[in-house]
């Protein structure tokens, strides 16, 4: 089984898939090998990546909190929901550790875009490094008032490394903190939920042992996955934590680093 992070790994610097990457991923699946997207992205952001690659199987979303079946547009499993009480406690601690921070919550229903639910709720002045073109603005009480698959925290003027260090000092292992960009955004998930736990569930469903998995990633939210897989591959453009966790370092995403490795076999 092949597993790959999306942003900074499978996608190039302009957030597009190269023809080289598309070709090799299609060869992988045509050869009968499952190719699983493992991303911090929610299910609603999976189709633009999966469709050009011809993927219809599983995707691990929200850093392991959601298992999504692409072809049927179905949420298969949800793990580690953050309940409102935990969200309120977490936000109270972060308000002291990161004064001026703003919050958003990602929710999930039965499909990627559930018409019965507001999937992404943000409080005023929340800054999204990928652009503030989505999300329903709401008061903080509404953001925290329903179970979420992850809590996102933005803070202008700080990088994500600094934010994560400050957050870990006050949250003390009650939740897990990670990030997939270093531009002032961190993500909170239920303790013990990672891309590795999500991929382990997929591997069990497909009867593939961990030692038969190759995983690609570039950021701290990929570290557990790179360590769990039989062969973890970090991108040359990756964060030092990912580079340290990997068995191999390939070329950067700007040079089709995923394809460079997969072309050995496919």
Protein backbone atom coordinates (compact mmCIF):
# COMPACT_ATOMS: atom_id res chain seq x y z
CA UNK A 1 0.00 0.00 0.00
CA UNK A 2 1.17 3.52 -0.82
CA UNK A 3 0.14 6.42 1.40
CA UNK A 4 0.86 10.05 0.74
CA UNK A 5 0.33 13.42 2.32
CA UNK A 6 -1.07 16.00 -0.10
CA UNK A 7 0.12 19.57 0.49
CA UNK A 8 3.87 20.00 0.26
CA UNK A 9 4.26 16.37 -0.77
CA UNK A 10 2.06 15.13 -3.61
CA UNK A 11 1.25 18.65 -4.83
CA UNK A 12 3.87 20.97 -6.28
CA UNK A 13 4.63 24.43 -4.89
CA UNK A 14 1.72 25.93 -6.85
CA UNK A 15 -0.63 23.34 -5.31
CA UNK A 16 -1.13 21.44 -8.56
CA UNK A 17 -0.47 17.83 -9.54
CA UNK A 18 2.22 17.36 -12.16
CA UNK A 19 1.63 15.05 -15.12
CA UNK A 20 4.54 12.93 -13.92
CA UNK A 21 2.90 12.39 -10.54
CA UNK A 22 -0.51 11.68 -12.09
CA UNK A 23 1.03 9.12 -14.45
CA UNK A 24 2.88 7.18 -11.76
CA UNK A 25 -0.05 7.14 -9.32
CA UNK A 26 -2.29 5.76 -12.06
CA UNK A 27 0.31 3.06 -12.77
CA UNK A 28 0.30 2.18 -9.07
CA UNK A 29 -3.47 1.65 -8.96
CA UNK A 30 -3.59 -0.10 -12.33
CA UNK A 31 -1.09 -2.57 -10.86
CA UNK A 32 -3.59 -3.32 -8.08
CA UNK A 33 -1.75 -1.48 -5.30
CA UNK A 34 -3.95 0.74 -3.09
CA UNK A 35 -2.96 4.41 -3.06
CA UNK A 36 -4.28 6.22 0.02
CA UNK A 37 -4.32 9.97 0.54
CA UNK A 38 -3.40 10.79 4.15
CA UNK A 39 -3.98 14.44 4.79
CA UNK A 40 -4.83 17.10 7.30
CA UNK A 41 -7.45 18.14 4.77
CA UNK A 42 -11.11 17.53 5.55
CA UNK A 43 -13.07 15.22 3.22
CA UNK A 44 -14.49 18.20 1.31
CA UNK A 45 -10.98 19.02 0.06
CA UNK A 46 -10.19 15.51 -1.22
CA UNK A 47 -12.05 15.32 -4.56
CA UNK A 48 -9.90 17.93 -6.38
CA UNK A 49 -6.87 15.73 -5.67
CA UNK A 50 -8.44 12.29 -6.01
CA UNK A 51 -10.26 12.88 -9.29
CA UNK A 52 -7.23 13.63 -11.52
CA UNK A 53 -5.44 10.65 -9.98
CA UNK A 54 -8.40 8.34 -10.55
CA UNK A 55 -8.63 7.41 -6.87
CA UNK A 56 -11.88 5.92 -5.56
CA UNK A 57 -10.75 4.10 -2.40
CA UNK A 58 -10.02 5.31 1.11
CA UNK A 59 -8.62 8.64 2.22
CA UNK A 60 -7.43 9.39 5.74
CA UNK A 61 -8.61 12.93 6.50
CA UNK A 62 -8.23 15.49 9.27
CA UNK A 63 -4.95 13.95 10.43
CA UNK A 64 -6.54 10.57 11.12
CA UNK A 65 -9.85 11.62 12.64
CA UNK A 66 -11.91 10.66 9.57
CA UNK A 67 -11.84 7.70 7.22
CA UNK A 68 -13.49 8.68 3.94
CA UNK A 69 -14.43 6.51 0.95
CA UNK A 70 -13.89 8.63 -2.13
CA UNK A 71 -15.88 6.70 -4.72
CA UNK A 72 -19.07 6.58 -2.66
CA UNK A 73 -18.62 9.99 -1.00
CA UNK A 74 -19.17 8.33 2.36
CA UNK A 75 -17.72 8.98 5.80
CA UNK A 76 -16.78 5.47 6.89
CA UNK A 77 -15.50 6.18 10.40
CA UNK A 78 -14.87 9.08 12.76
CA UNK A 79 -12.44 8.78 15.66
CA UNK A 80 -11.70 11.07 18.57
CA UNK A 81 -14.38 13.71 18.32
CA UNK A 82 -13.61 16.81 20.34
CA UNK A 83 -16.68 17.38 22.51
CA UNK A 84 -17.81 20.92 23.44
CA UNK A 85 -16.52 20.73 27.03
CA UNK A 86 -13.03 19.74 25.84
CA UNK A 87 -13.15 22.46 23.17
CA UNK A 88 -14.01 25.10 25.78
CA UNK A 89 -11.27 23.92 28.16
CA UNK A 90 -8.72 23.88 25.35
CA UNK A 91 -9.63 27.36 24.14
CA UNK A 92 -9.51 28.76 27.67
CA UNK A 93 -5.95 27.50 28.07
CA UNK A 94 -4.87 28.75 24.66
CA UNK A 95 -6.28 32.22 25.26
CA UNK A 96 -3.67 32.60 28.01
CA UNK A 97 -0.82 30.91 26.12
CA UNK A 98 -1.48 32.64 22.80
CA UNK A 99 -3.23 35.95 23.51
CA UNK A 100 -4.95 37.29 20.43
CA UNK A 101 -5.39 33.90 18.78
CA UNK A 102 -8.57 33.03 16.88
CA UNK A 103 -10.35 29.69 16.48
CA UNK A 104 -12.15 27.57 13.89
CA UNK A 105 -13.76 24.14 14.06
CA UNK A 106 -13.98 21.45 11.42
CA UNK A 107 -17.03 19.19 11.56
CA UNK A 108 -18.15 16.19 9.54
CA UNK A 109 -21.44 14.52 8.72
CA UNK A 110 -22.19 11.53 6.49
CA UNK A 111 -20.55 12.82 3.29
CA UNK A 112 -17.83 15.27 2.30
CA UNK A 113 -20.29 18.17 2.15
CA UNK A 114 -23.21 17.38 4.39
CA UNK A 115 -26.16 19.71 3.65
CA UNK A 116 -27.38 19.27 7.21
CA UNK A 117 -24.22 20.71 8.72
CA UNK A 118 -21.93 23.72 8.63
CA UNK A 119 -18.67 21.89 8.04
CA UNK A 120 -16.24 24.73 8.79
CA UNK A 121 -17.08 27.40 11.34
CA UNK A 122 -14.72 30.31 12.07
CA UNK A 123 -14.80 33.14 14.56
CA UNK A 124 -14.28 36.76 13.42
CA UNK A 125 -10.68 37.65 12.45
CA UNK A 126 -9.66 34.00 12.10
CA UNK A 127 -6.83 33.95 9.56
CA UNK A 128 -6.65 31.05 7.11
CA UNK A 129 -3.20 30.77 5.47
CA UNK A 130 -4.87 29.13 2.44
CA UNK A 131 -7.18 32.13 1.98
CA UNK A 132 -10.30 33.30 3.76
CA UNK A 133 -12.64 32.22 0.98
CA UNK A 134 -14.53 29.60 2.95
CA UNK A 135 -15.99 29.01 6.36
CA UNK A 136 -19.10 30.27 8.07
CA UNK A 137 -18.33 33.10 10.48
CA UNK A 138 -19.91 32.66 13.88
CA UNK A 139 -19.44 33.74 17.51
CA UNK A 140 -17.00 31.73 19.57
CA UNK A 141 -19.83 30.04 21.47
CA UNK A 142 -21.11 28.60 18.19
CA UNK A 143 -17.63 27.54 17.04
CA UNK A 144 -17.17 25.56 20.25
CA UNK A 145 -20.75 24.46 20.76
CA UNK A 146 -20.77 21.25 18.68
CA UNK A 147 -18.46 18.21 18.42
CA UNK A 148 -15.55 18.78 16.02
CA UNK A 149 -13.00 16.57 14.31
CA UNK A 150 -10.36 19.23 14.83
CA UNK A 151 -9.87 22.68 16.29
CA UNK A 152 -7.75 25.16 14.35
CA UNK A 153 -5.93 28.08 15.97
CA UNK A 154 -4.52 31.05 14.07
CA UNK A 155 -2.29 33.78 15.48
CA UNK A 156 -0.94 36.61 13.38
CA UNK A 157 2.69 37.49 13.97
CA UNK A 158 3.81 34.02 15.13
CA UNK A 159 4.94 30.96 13.24
CA UNK A 160 3.45 27.54 13.87
CA UNK A 161 6.57 26.21 15.61
CA UNK A 162 6.32 28.97 18.23
CA UNK A 163 2.59 28.47 18.64
CA UNK A 164 2.89 24.70 19.08
CA UNK A 165 5.55 25.05 21.78
CA UNK A 166 3.44 27.55 23.73
CA UNK A 167 0.30 25.43 23.36
CA UNK A 168 1.96 22.22 24.55
CA UNK A 169 3.12 23.94 27.73
CA UNK A 170 -0.45 24.62 28.85
CA UNK A 171 -2.35 21.68 27.38
CA UNK A 172 -0.05 19.05 28.90
CA UNK A 173 -1.03 16.06 26.73
CA UNK A 174 -4.81 16.44 27.08
CA UNK A 175 -5.00 16.82 23.30
CA UNK A 176 -2.53 16.41 20.43
CA UNK A 177 -1.09 19.46 18.68
CA UNK A 178 0.34 19.48 15.20
CA UNK A 179 0.60 21.64 12.10
CA UNK A 180 0.90 21.29 8.34
CA UNK A 181 2.10 24.82 7.58
CA UNK A 182 4.47 27.08 9.51
CA UNK A 183 2.50 30.26 8.77
CA UNK A 184 0.78 30.83 12.08
CA UNK A 185 -1.70 27.97 12.26
CA UNK A 186 -1.82 24.93 14.55
CA UNK A 187 -4.35 22.13 14.80
CA UNK A 188 -5.71 20.31 17.83
CA UNK A 189 -6.97 16.72 17.69
CA UNK A 190 -8.08 14.21 20.27
CA UNK A 191 -5.17 12.58 22.06
CA UNK A 192 -3.73 9.62 20.16
CA UNK A 193 -5.39 10.37 16.80
CA UNK A 194 -2.83 10.67 14.00
CA UNK A 195 -2.38 9.80 10.35
CA UNK A 196 -0.71 6.61 11.56
CA UNK A 197 -3.83 5.45 13.42
CA UNK A 198 -5.95 6.25 10.38
CA UNK A 199 -3.65 4.36 8.03
CA UNK A 200 -3.49 1.41 10.40
CA UNK A 201 -7.28 1.14 10.09
CA UNK A 202 -7.08 1.23 6.29
CA UNK A 203 -4.29 -1.34 6.28
CA UNK A 204 -6.35 -3.65 8.49
CA UNK A 205 -9.37 -3.32 6.18
CA UNK A 206 -7.19 -4.14 3.17
CA UNK A 207 -5.19 -6.84 4.98
CA UNK A 208 -1.85 -5.10 4.35
CA UNK A 209 0.82 -5.32 7.08
CA UNK A 210 2.53 -2.07 8.09
CA UNK A 211 5.87 -3.32 6.78
CA UNK A 212 4.32 -3.43 3.28
CA UNK A 213 3.42 0.28 3.37
CA UNK A 214 5.39 3.14 1.83
CA UNK A 215 4.38 6.56 3.19
CA UNK A 216 5.35 10.04 2.02
CA UNK A 217 5.18 13.27 4.03
CA UNK A 218 6.80 16.60 4.78
CA UNK A 219 5.50 18.16 8.01
CA UNK A 220 5.13 17.44 11.75
CA UNK A 221 1.65 15.99 11.22
CA UNK A 222 3.32 13.28 9.10
CA UNK A 223 5.85 12.15 11.71
CA UNK A 224 3.81 9.30 13.24
CA UNK A 225 2.84 8.03 9.78
CA UNK A 226 6.46 8.02 8.57
CA UNK A 227 7.50 6.06 11.65
CA UNK A 228 4.61 3.58 11.42
CA UNK A 229 5.06 2.66 7.75
CA UNK A 230 7.51 -0.01 6.72
CA UNK A 231 9.28 2.63 4.64
CA UNK A 232 8.79 6.31 5.46
CA UNK A 233 9.89 8.85 2.87
CA UNK A 234 10.27 12.56 3.63
CA UNK A 235 10.42 15.30 1.05
CA UNK A 236 13.65 17.28 0.78
CA UNK A 237 11.55 20.42 1.36
CA UNK A 238 10.17 18.94 4.57
CA UNK A 239 10.28 20.06 8.18
CA UNK A 240 13.20 18.78 10.23
CA UNK A 241 10.86 16.60 12.30
CA UNK A 242 9.71 14.77 9.17
CA UNK A 243 13.26 14.41 7.87
CA UNK A 244 14.39 12.90 11.18
CA UNK A 245 11.47 10.43 11.26
CA UNK A 246 11.93 9.11 7.72
CA UNK A 247 13.86 6.12 6.42
CA UNK A 248 14.65 7.99 3.22
CA UNK A 249 14.65 11.55 1.91
CA UNK A 250 13.54 12.05 -1.67
CA UNK A 251 13.57 15.12 -3.89
CA UNK A 252 11.43 18.16 -3.05
CA UNK A 253 7.81 18.43 -4.12
CA UNK A 254 8.94 20.91 -6.77
CA UNK A 255 10.87 18.04 -8.43
CA UNK A 256 8.21 15.31 -8.13
CA UNK A 257 9.84 13.66 -5.14
CA UNK A 258 7.00 11.14 -4.71
CA UNK A 259 7.25 10.09 -8.35
CA UNK A 260 11.04 9.76 -8.10
CA UNK A 261 10.60 6.98 -5.53
CA UNK A 262 7.56 5.22 -7.03
CA UNK A 263 9.14 5.03 -10.48
CA UNK A 264 11.57 2.47 -9.12
CA UNK A 265 8.76 -0.08 -9.12
CA UNK A 266 5.97 1.31 -11.31
